[in-house]
Amino acid sequence: MNIKKDFEKAKVHCALTPGEALKMLRELQGLSQNELSRLSGITQSNLSALETNARQMGRERALTLAKILHVHPAVLLFPDFDIAKVA
């Protein structure tokens, strides 16, 4: 029995921007922008700009937010990464 044959490879159903990924993770965890601001030290206006992609997230902000949201920073920086496109 080959277990790998029993499963289908996951497919990307929609591409997300880093801002959309941030907003989705924040909302899934029941946090408001103000609450995430308080936890992260990033102002609410900056979080809003990140979520709307008006401002780039950058490595340091991604590390800070990922720790609070309990995800790997790559989930925020590269939410639409597809290994099949580079392998």
N, C-alpha and C. Protein backbone atom coordinates (compact mmCIF):
# COMPACT_ATOMS: atom_id res chain seq x y z
N MET A 1 0.84 -1.18 0.00
CA MET A 1 0.00 0.00 0.00
C MET A 1 0.89 1.25 0.00
N ASN A 2 0.65 2.11 -0.96
CA ASN A 2 1.41 3.35 -1.06
C ASN A 2 0.51 4.51 -0.62
N ILE A 3 0.80 5.04 0.56
CA ILE A 3 -0.03 6.09 1.12
C ILE A 3 -0.01 7.34 0.25
N LYS A 4 1.13 7.64 -0.38
CA LYS A 4 1.23 8.84 -1.21
C LYS A 4 0.21 8.82 -2.34
N LYS A 5 -0.11 7.65 -2.87
CA LYS A 5 -1.08 7.55 -3.96
C LYS A 5 -2.50 7.81 -3.48
N ASP A 6 -2.73 7.70 -2.18
CA ASP A 6 -4.08 7.91 -1.63
C ASP A 6 -4.43 9.38 -1.47
N PHE A 7 -3.44 10.26 -1.63
CA PHE A 7 -3.67 11.68 -1.42
C PHE A 7 -3.39 12.45 -2.69
N GLU A 8 -4.14 13.52 -2.87
CA GLU A 8 -3.93 14.42 -3.97
C GLU A 8 -3.10 15.60 -3.49
N LYS A 9 -2.19 16.07 -4.32
CA LYS A 9 -1.37 17.22 -3.97
C LYS A 9 -2.26 18.45 -3.79
N ALA A 10 -1.96 19.23 -2.77
CA ALA A 10 -2.75 20.44 -2.50
C ALA A 10 -2.60 21.42 -3.67
N LYS A 11 -3.68 22.12 -3.94
CA LYS A 11 -3.68 23.11 -5.01
C LYS A 11 -3.92 24.49 -4.42
N VAL A 12 -3.35 25.49 -5.05
CA VAL A 12 -3.60 26.86 -4.64
C VAL A 12 -4.98 27.25 -5.18
N HIS A 13 -5.86 27.63 -4.27
CA HIS A 13 -7.21 27.99 -4.69
C HIS A 13 -7.33 29.48 -4.98
N CYS A 14 -6.53 30.26 -4.32
CA CYS A 14 -6.49 31.69 -4.63
C CYS A 14 -5.15 32.23 -4.15
N ALA A 15 -4.62 33.15 -4.90
CA ALA A 15 -3.34 33.76 -4.53
C ALA A 15 -3.61 34.87 -3.53
N LEU A 16 -2.76 34.93 -2.51
CA LEU A 16 -2.88 35.96 -1.49
C LEU A 16 -1.67 36.88 -1.53
N THR A 17 -1.90 38.13 -1.24
CA THR A 17 -0.79 39.06 -1.05
C THR A 17 -0.35 38.95 0.41
N PRO A 18 0.84 39.43 0.76
CA PRO A 18 1.24 39.43 2.17
C PRO A 18 0.23 40.15 3.07
N GLY A 19 -0.32 41.26 2.59
CA GLY A 19 -1.31 41.99 3.38
C GLY A 19 -2.58 41.19 3.61
N GLU A 20 -3.05 40.51 2.57
CA GLU A 20 -4.25 39.68 2.71
C GLU A 20 -4.00 38.53 3.67
N ALA A 21 -2.79 37.95 3.61
CA ALA A 21 -2.44 36.86 4.53
C ALA A 21 -2.43 37.37 5.96
N LEU A 22 -1.86 38.54 6.18
CA LEU A 22 -1.82 39.13 7.51
C LEU A 22 -3.24 39.36 8.04
N LYS A 23 -4.07 39.96 7.24
CA LYS A 23 -5.45 40.23 7.66
C LYS A 23 -6.20 38.94 7.96
N MET A 24 -6.05 37.94 7.10
CA MET A 24 -6.74 36.67 7.29
C MET A 24 -6.29 36.00 8.60
N LEU A 25 -4.99 35.95 8.83
CA LEU A 25 -4.48 35.32 10.06
C LEU A 25 -4.93 36.09 11.30
N ARG A 26 -4.88 37.41 11.23
CA ARG A 26 -5.33 38.23 12.35
C ARG A 26 -6.79 37.97 12.67
N GLU A 27 -7.63 37.97 11.64
CA GLU A 27 -9.06 37.75 11.85
C GLU A 27 -9.36 36.33 12.32
N LEU A 28 -8.66 35.34 11.78
CA LEU A 28 -8.87 33.96 12.21
C LEU A 28 -8.54 33.77 13.69
N GLN A 29 -7.64 34.59 14.19
CA GLN A 29 -7.27 34.50 15.60
C GLN A 29 -8.08 35.45 16.47
N GLY A 30 -9.07 36.11 15.87
CA GLY A 30 -9.98 36.95 16.62
C GLY A 30 -9.35 38.23 17.15
N LEU A 31 -8.34 38.73 16.45
CA LEU A 31 -7.66 39.95 16.88
C LEU A 31 -8.10 41.13 16.04
N SER A 32 -8.30 42.26 16.67
CA SER A 32 -8.54 43.50 15.94
C SER A 32 -7.17 44.09 15.59
N GLN A 33 -7.17 45.08 14.70
CA GLN A 33 -5.91 45.76 14.40
C GLN A 33 -5.35 46.42 15.65
N ASN A 34 -6.22 46.98 16.48
CA ASN A 34 -5.76 47.62 17.70
C ASN A 34 -5.11 46.62 18.66
N GLU A 35 -5.70 45.43 18.77
CA GLU A 35 -5.12 44.40 19.64
C GLU A 35 -3.77 43.94 19.12
N LEU A 36 -3.68 43.72 17.80
CA LEU A 36 -2.41 43.30 17.21
C LEU A 36 -1.38 44.40 17.34
N SER A 37 -1.81 45.62 17.24
CA SER A 37 -0.92 46.77 17.43
C SER A 37 -0.33 46.77 18.83
N ARG A 38 -1.17 46.56 19.81
CA ARG A 38 -0.72 46.53 21.20
C ARG A 38 0.27 45.39 21.44
N LEU A 39 0.00 44.23 20.87
CA LEU A 39 0.87 43.06 21.06
C LEU A 39 2.20 43.19 20.32
N SER A 40 2.17 43.85 19.16
CA SER A 40 3.35 43.89 18.29
C SER A 40 4.19 45.16 18.43
N GLY A 41 3.58 46.22 18.92
CA GLY A 41 4.28 47.50 18.96
C GLY A 41 4.28 48.21 17.62
N ILE A 42 3.54 47.69 16.66
CA ILE A 42 3.39 48.32 15.34
C ILE A 42 2.09 49.12 15.39
N THR A 43 2.13 50.36 14.99
CA THR A 43 0.94 51.19 15.10
C THR A 43 -0.22 50.63 14.27
N GLN A 44 -1.43 50.94 14.70
CA GLN A 44 -2.61 50.47 13.99
C GLN A 44 -2.63 51.00 12.56
N SER A 45 -2.20 52.23 12.36
CA SER A 45 -2.19 52.79 11.00
C SER A 45 -1.18 52.06 10.12
N ASN A 46 -0.05 51.64 10.69
CA ASN A 46 0.91 50.85 9.92
C ASN A 46 0.36 49.47 9.61
N LEU A 47 -0.35 48.85 10.55
CA LEU A 47 -0.96 47.55 10.30
C LEU A 47 -1.99 47.65 9.18
N SER A 48 -2.78 48.72 9.20
CA SER A 48 -3.76 48.94 8.14
C SER A 48 -3.06 49.07 6.79
N ALA A 49 -1.97 49.82 6.75
CA ALA A 49 -1.22 49.99 5.50
C ALA A 49 -0.61 48.67 5.04
N LEU A 50 -0.18 47.85 5.97
CA LEU A 50 0.36 46.53 5.61
C LEU A 50 -0.74 45.64 5.03
N GLU A 51 -1.91 45.65 5.67
CA GLU A 51 -3.02 44.81 5.23
C GLU A 51 -3.56 45.21 3.86
N THR A 52 -3.44 46.47 3.51
CA THR A 52 -3.92 46.93 2.20
C THR A 52 -2.79 46.98 1.17
N ASN A 53 -1.63 46.50 1.57
CA ASN A 53 -0.44 46.46 0.70
C ASN A 53 0.02 47.85 0.28
N ALA A 54 -0.33 48.86 1.05
CA ALA A 54 0.15 50.20 0.80
C ALA A 54 1.59 50.35 1.29
N ARG A 55 1.99 49.46 2.18
CA ARG A 55 3.33 49.45 2.73
C ARG A 55 3.84 48.01 2.71
N GLN A 56 5.12 47.83 2.36
CA GLN A 56 5.70 46.49 2.34
C GLN A 56 6.00 46.04 3.75
N MET A 57 5.85 44.73 3.98
CA MET A 57 6.00 44.19 5.32
C MET A 57 7.45 44.20 5.79
N GLY A 58 8.34 43.69 5.02
CA GLY A 58 9.74 43.63 5.43
C GLY A 58 10.01 42.51 6.42
N ARG A 59 11.27 42.13 6.49
CA ARG A 59 11.69 40.98 7.30
C ARG A 59 11.40 41.16 8.79
N GLU A 60 11.79 42.30 9.35
CA GLU A 60 11.64 42.49 10.80
C GLU A 60 10.18 42.51 11.23
N ARG A 61 9.35 43.20 10.47
CA ARG A 61 7.92 43.20 10.81
C ARG A 61 7.33 41.81 10.67
N ALA A 62 7.73 41.09 9.62
CA ALA A 62 7.23 39.73 9.42
C ALA A 62 7.62 38.84 10.59
N LEU A 63 8.85 38.96 11.08
CA LEU A 63 9.28 38.16 12.22
C LEU A 63 8.45 38.48 13.46
N THR A 64 8.23 39.76 13.71
CA THR A 64 7.44 40.19 14.86
C THR A 64 6.01 39.67 14.78
N LEU A 65 5.38 39.88 13.63
CA LEU A 65 3.98 39.48 13.46
C LEU A 65 3.82 37.96 13.45
N ALA A 66 4.75 37.27 12.82
CA ALA A 66 4.68 35.81 12.76
C ALA A 66 4.74 35.20 14.16
N LYS A 67 5.58 35.73 14.99
CA LYS A 67 5.69 35.22 16.35
C LYS A 67 4.37 35.36 17.11
N ILE A 68 3.75 36.52 16.97
CA ILE A 68 2.47 36.78 17.64
C ILE A 68 1.35 35.91 17.07
N LEU A 69 1.37 35.73 15.73
CA LEU A 69 0.31 34.97 15.05
C LEU A 69 0.59 33.47 15.00
N HIS A 70 1.73 33.06 15.55
CA HIS A 70 2.11 31.63 15.64
C HIS A 70 2.21 30.96 14.27
N VAL A 71 2.88 31.65 13.34
CA VAL A 71 3.12 31.09 12.02
C VAL A 71 4.58 31.34 11.65
N HIS A 72 5.06 30.66 10.64
CA HIS A 72 6.40 30.90 10.12
C HIS A 72 6.37 32.23 9.36
N PRO A 73 7.43 33.04 9.47
CA PRO A 73 7.44 34.33 8.75
C PRO A 73 7.20 34.21 7.25
N ALA A 74 7.61 33.10 6.66
CA ALA A 74 7.40 32.90 5.21
C ALA A 74 5.91 32.88 4.85
N VAL A 75 5.07 32.48 5.79
CA VAL A 75 3.63 32.49 5.54
C VAL A 75 3.15 33.91 5.27
N LEU A 76 3.75 34.87 5.93
CA LEU A 76 3.38 36.27 5.72
C LEU A 76 4.10 36.89 4.52
N LEU A 77 5.36 36.59 4.37
CA LEU A 77 6.15 37.22 3.30
C LEU A 77 5.88 36.62 1.92
N PHE A 78 5.62 35.31 1.86
CA PHE A 78 5.45 34.62 0.58
C PHE A 78 4.20 33.74 0.61
N PRO A 79 3.03 34.31 0.83
CA PRO A 79 1.83 33.47 0.97
C PRO A 79 1.43 32.72 -0.29
N ASP A 80 1.88 33.17 -1.45
CA ASP A 80 1.50 32.50 -2.70
C ASP A 80 2.65 31.70 -3.30
N PHE A 81 3.67 31.40 -2.49
CA PHE A 81 4.83 30.65 -2.99
C PHE A 81 4.40 29.28 -3.47
N ASP A 82 4.85 28.92 -4.66
CA ASP A 82 4.55 27.61 -5.24
C ASP A 82 5.85 26.97 -5.66
N ILE A 83 6.27 25.94 -4.94
CA ILE A 83 7.54 25.28 -5.21
C ILE A 83 7.58 24.71 -6.63
N ALA A 84 6.44 24.34 -7.17
CA ALA A 84 6.40 23.76 -8.51
C ALA A 84 6.87 24.76 -9.57
N LYS A 85 6.73 26.04 -9.28
CA LYS A 85 7.14 27.06 -10.26
C LYS A 85 8.64 27.26 -10.29
N VAL A 86 9.34 26.86 -9.24
CA VAL A 86 10.80 27.07 -9.17
C VAL A 86 11.60 25.78 -9.20
N ALA A 87 10.95 24.67 -9.00
CA ALA A 87 11.66 23.39 -8.94
C ALA A 87 11.75 22.75 -10.31
